[in-house]
Amino acid sequence: MQFFKYIACAGLIWTAASAAQSATVETQVALQGKTLIYDGPLSAEVNTRAAELLKQSGQVDTLKINSRGGEIGLGMDLGNLVYDHQLNVEVGQYCFSSCANYVFPAGKVKYLNLRSQLGWHGGSLQKMQIESAEMEQIYNEYIGPIRAKEKAFFQKIKVQQASTIAGQAPQYDEFEHCVGWRYTREKMRSFGIDQVRYKQWLWLPKASFENKCIFTIR
């Protein structure tokens, strides 16, 4: 798939849209009662601030997130924070890329609102097409440690690492023009992503995000 020539918001190789958004959108984090609000692209500084807020308040039980994702390592860092504090995760409007890969599955209970968009589009195990030997060397230096970190992360939270790349299998080539994919609740459970609940008894996400299709794996 053309889209998957780019690593899933890995910071090393970004899609133009992801890079532009990260440059213009400032991530916000704040406490609202027992909920930690995280709004925007994943950020090392904001992850640190989120950890500080959790230390300050022993009452937090839920992370509510709106994020298009970010660098793979940052996603795992936030996922570890969620898992270690046994936080529930609630998706507000959307949770894409590294947010779906690492933050959502780490939640104790995972909540989806009626129109929440939850989308995957790859991880450290995905195949890459790299145009130059120099870039390939840089990529290999980056991806080796990240793959080891990703493997350890999924072993820790007891979720299958394959959940990050299942939508890139050949049987889904017809959806190469789509921005990514989602799983049904039953399919998520097959990967070990359990305790997924619907806030309004139903989950009815739109079939597209910003005029780009998202396909469903059942």
Protein backbone atom coordinates (compact mmCIF):
# COMPACT_ATOMS: atom_id res chain seq x y z
CA MET A 1 0.00 0.00 0.00
CA GLN A 2 1.30 3.46 -0.87
CA PHE A 3 0.30 4.74 2.55
CA PHE A 4 2.48 2.15 4.26
CA LYS A 5 5.67 3.36 2.61
CA TYR A 6 5.80 5.60 5.63
CA ILE A 7 6.36 4.18 9.07
CA ALA A 8 3.34 4.60 11.29
CA CYS A 9 4.02 8.07 12.66
CA ALA A 10 7.52 7.00 13.65
CA GLY A 11 9.10 10.44 13.81
CA LEU A 12 11.93 9.24 11.54
CA ILE A 13 9.74 9.07 8.43
CA TRP A 14 6.45 10.94 8.60
CA THR A 15 3.57 11.44 6.26
CA ALA A 16 3.28 15.06 5.24
CA ALA A 17 -0.08 15.36 6.98
CA SER A 18 1.23 14.04 10.30
CA ALA A 19 4.28 16.28 10.20
CA ALA A 20 2.21 19.35 9.40
CA GLN A 21 -0.26 18.63 12.17
CA SER A 22 2.44 18.12 14.80
CA ALA A 23 4.04 21.40 13.81
CA THR A 24 0.83 23.37 14.20
CA VAL A 25 -1.13 21.61 16.96
CA GLU A 26 -0.15 22.07 20.59
CA THR A 27 -1.00 19.08 22.76
CA GLN A 28 -2.94 19.78 25.93
CA VAL A 29 -3.09 17.72 29.12
CA ALA A 30 -5.19 18.47 32.19
CA LEU A 31 -7.07 16.91 35.07
CA GLN A 32 -10.87 16.94 35.23
CA GLY A 33 -11.92 15.18 38.41
CA LYS A 34 -10.80 11.58 38.12
CA THR A 35 -10.05 11.90 34.40
CA LEU A 36 -6.77 12.87 32.77
CA ILE A 37 -7.45 14.64 29.47
CA TYR A 38 -4.85 14.22 26.69
CA ASP A 39 -5.62 16.17 23.53
CA GLY A 40 -3.27 16.31 20.57
CA PRO A 41 -0.28 14.54 18.99
CA LEU A 42 1.83 12.38 21.30
CA SER A 43 4.60 14.40 22.88
CA ALA A 44 7.52 13.58 25.20
CA GLU A 45 6.92 16.76 27.17
CA VAL A 46 3.21 16.08 27.54
CA ASN A 47 3.84 12.46 28.52
CA THR A 48 6.12 13.75 31.29
CA ARG A 49 3.47 16.24 32.38
CA ALA A 50 0.85 13.48 32.40
CA ALA A 51 3.08 11.38 34.67
CA GLU A 52 3.49 14.35 37.01
CA LEU A 53 -0.26 14.90 37.20
CA LEU A 54 -0.81 11.24 38.03
CA LYS A 55 1.70 11.52 40.88
CA GLN A 56 -0.04 14.62 42.20
CA SER A 57 -3.47 13.04 42.21
CA GLY A 58 -4.14 9.54 43.45
CA GLN A 59 -7.75 9.77 42.31
CA VAL A 60 -7.29 9.46 38.52
CA ASP A 61 -8.82 6.33 37.05
CA THR A 62 -9.28 7.25 33.36
CA LEU A 63 -7.30 8.70 30.48
CA LYS A 64 -9.54 10.40 27.92
CA ILE A 65 -7.65 10.91 24.70
CA ASN A 66 -7.98 12.59 21.32
CA SER A 67 -4.83 11.95 19.30
CA ARG A 68 -3.74 11.19 15.75
CA GLY A 69 -0.70 9.43 17.22
CA GLY A 70 2.98 10.22 17.09
CA GLU A 71 6.38 8.60 17.31
CA ILE A 72 6.22 4.89 18.13
CA GLY A 73 8.32 5.12 21.28
CA LEU A 74 6.16 7.92 22.66
CA GLY A 75 3.07 5.80 22.13
CA MET A 76 4.59 2.96 24.13
CA ASP A 77 5.72 5.36 26.86
CA LEU A 78 2.17 6.63 27.29
CA GLY A 79 0.81 3.08 27.03
CA ASN A 80 3.15 1.97 29.81
CA LEU A 81 1.98 4.88 31.96
CA VAL A 82 -1.63 3.84 31.40
CA TYR A 83 -0.94 0.18 32.12
CA ASP A 84 1.22 0.80 35.21
CA HIS A 85 -1.47 3.03 36.75
CA GLN A 86 -4.26 0.66 35.70
CA LEU A 87 -6.11 3.49 33.99
CA ASN A 88 -9.19 3.07 31.86
CA VAL A 89 -8.90 4.63 28.41
CA GLU A 90 -11.74 6.55 26.78
CA VAL A 91 -11.52 7.62 23.14
CA GLY A 92 -13.11 10.99 22.58
CA GLN A 93 -13.34 11.94 18.91
CA TYR A 94 -10.42 9.90 17.59
CA CYS A 95 -7.42 7.73 18.43
CA PHE A 96 -5.17 6.85 15.48
CA SER A 97 -1.83 5.27 14.73
CA SER A 98 0.38 5.00 17.84
CA CYS A 99 -2.62 5.94 19.98
CA ALA A 100 -4.52 2.89 18.70
CA ASN A 101 -1.43 0.68 18.71
CA TYR A 102 -0.25 1.29 22.24
CA VAL A 103 -2.42 3.60 24.34
CA PHE A 104 -5.88 2.14 23.74
CA PRO A 105 -4.88 -1.54 24.26
CA ALA A 106 -3.08 -0.67 27.51
CA GLY A 107 -6.27 0.50 29.19
CA LYS A 108 -7.87 -1.52 31.96
CA VAL A 109 -11.31 -0.87 30.46
CA LYS A 110 -11.48 0.68 27.00
CA TYR A 111 -14.40 3.00 26.25
CA LEU A 112 -15.61 4.08 22.82
CA ASN A 113 -18.14 6.83 22.35
CA LEU A 114 -20.83 6.58 19.71
CA ARG A 115 -18.78 8.29 16.97
CA SER A 116 -15.25 7.63 18.25
CA GLN A 117 -12.79 6.97 15.43
CA LEU A 118 -10.26 4.28 16.30
CA GLY A 119 -7.75 3.48 13.56
CA TRP A 120 -4.59 1.47 12.97
CA HIS A 121 -2.17 1.83 10.07
CA GLY A 122 1.04 0.00 10.95
CA GLY A 123 3.84 -0.54 13.45
CA SER A 124 7.49 -1.45 13.76
CA LEU A 125 7.07 -4.81 12.00
CA GLN A 126 5.63 -3.38 8.80
CA LYS A 127 7.58 -3.73 5.56
CA MET A 128 9.23 -0.56 4.36
CA GLN A 129 10.20 0.76 0.96
CA ILE A 130 13.25 2.97 1.43
CA GLU A 131 14.66 4.89 -1.50
CA SER A 132 18.32 5.31 -0.54
CA ALA A 133 21.04 3.31 1.20
CA GLU A 134 21.68 6.22 3.54
CA MET A 135 18.06 6.39 4.65
CA GLU A 136 17.95 2.61 5.01
CA GLN A 137 20.92 2.71 7.38
CA ILE A 138 19.31 5.44 9.46
CA TYR A 139 16.06 3.53 9.52
CA ASN A 140 17.71 0.26 10.57
CA GLU A 141 19.53 1.99 13.43
CA TYR A 142 16.22 3.36 14.61
CA ILE A 143 13.95 0.37 14.09
CA GLY A 144 16.03 -2.34 15.80
CA PRO A 145 15.66 -0.98 19.35
CA ILE A 146 12.08 0.09 18.65
CA ARG A 147 11.11 -3.42 17.56
CA ALA A 148 12.59 -4.86 20.75
CA LYS A 149 10.74 -2.27 22.81
CA GLU A 150 7.49 -2.98 20.98
CA LYS A 151 7.80 -6.74 21.50
CA ALA A 152 8.40 -6.27 25.24
CA PHE A 153 5.50 -3.84 25.48
CA PHE A 154 2.96 -6.21 23.97
CA GLN A 155 4.22 -9.09 26.09
CA LYS A 156 3.69 -6.89 29.13
CA ILE A 157 0.11 -5.89 28.32
CA LYS A 158 -0.71 -9.38 26.94
CA VAL A 159 -1.83 -8.20 23.50
CA GLN A 160 -0.68 -9.66 20.18
CA GLN A 161 1.90 -7.51 18.43
CA ALA A 162 0.32 -8.52 15.11
CA SER A 163 -2.58 -6.20 15.89
CA THR A 164 -0.46 -3.30 14.59
CA ILE A 165 -0.06 -4.70 11.06
CA ALA A 166 -2.95 -7.10 10.38
CA GLY A 167 -4.56 -4.64 7.97
CA GLN A 168 -1.49 -4.75 5.74
CA ALA A 169 -2.01 -8.41 4.80
CA PRO A 170 -2.40 -9.08 1.04
CA GLN A 171 -6.14 -9.80 1.31
CA TYR A 172 -6.68 -6.11 2.14
CA ASP A 173 -4.81 -4.70 -0.87
CA GLU A 174 -8.11 -3.49 -2.31
CA PHE A 175 -8.15 -0.90 0.47
CA GLU A 176 -4.71 0.51 -0.38
CA HIS A 177 -6.22 3.94 -0.89
CA CYS A 178 -7.58 4.05 2.68
CA VAL A 179 -5.94 5.89 5.56
CA GLY A 180 -6.06 2.79 7.78
CA TRP A 181 -8.36 0.27 9.38
CA ARG A 182 -10.39 -0.49 12.47
CA TYR A 183 -11.33 -3.76 14.16
CA THR A 184 -14.71 -4.87 15.44
CA ARG A 185 -14.89 -5.46 19.17
CA GLU A 186 -14.85 -9.21 18.57
CA LYS A 187 -11.74 -8.96 16.40
CA MET A 188 -10.01 -6.78 18.99
CA ARG A 189 -10.73 -9.47 21.57
CA SER A 190 -9.02 -12.05 19.36
CA PHE A 191 -5.80 -10.03 19.67
CA GLY A 192 -6.17 -9.79 23.44
CA ILE A 193 -7.67 -6.29 23.42
CA ASP A 194 -10.53 -7.04 25.80
CA GLN A 195 -12.83 -5.05 28.08
CA VAL A 196 -13.90 -2.78 25.19
CA ARG A 197 -17.16 -1.06 26.08
CA TYR A 198 -19.48 1.36 24.35
CA LYS A 199 -20.41 4.50 26.30
CA GLN A 200 -23.75 4.84 24.49
CA TRP A 201 -24.45 1.09 24.04
CA LEU A 202 -23.46 1.34 20.37
CA TRP A 203 -20.35 2.18 18.38
CA LEU A 204 -21.12 3.74 15.00
CA PRO A 205 -17.94 5.33 13.65
CA LYS A 206 -18.05 6.98 10.26
CA ALA A 207 -16.55 5.09 7.31
CA SER A 208 -14.07 7.89 6.66
CA PHE A 209 -11.86 10.41 8.41
CA GLU A 210 -11.22 13.75 6.73
CA ASN A 211 -12.50 12.31 3.43
CA LYS A 212 -10.21 9.26 3.59
CA CYS A 213 -11.72 5.81 4.01
CA ILE A 214 -11.16 3.51 6.97
CA PHE A 215 -11.96 -0.15 6.40
CA THR A 216 -13.14 -2.64 8.99
CA ILE A 217 -11.60 -6.01 9.83
CA ARG A 218 -14.05 -8.45 11.35
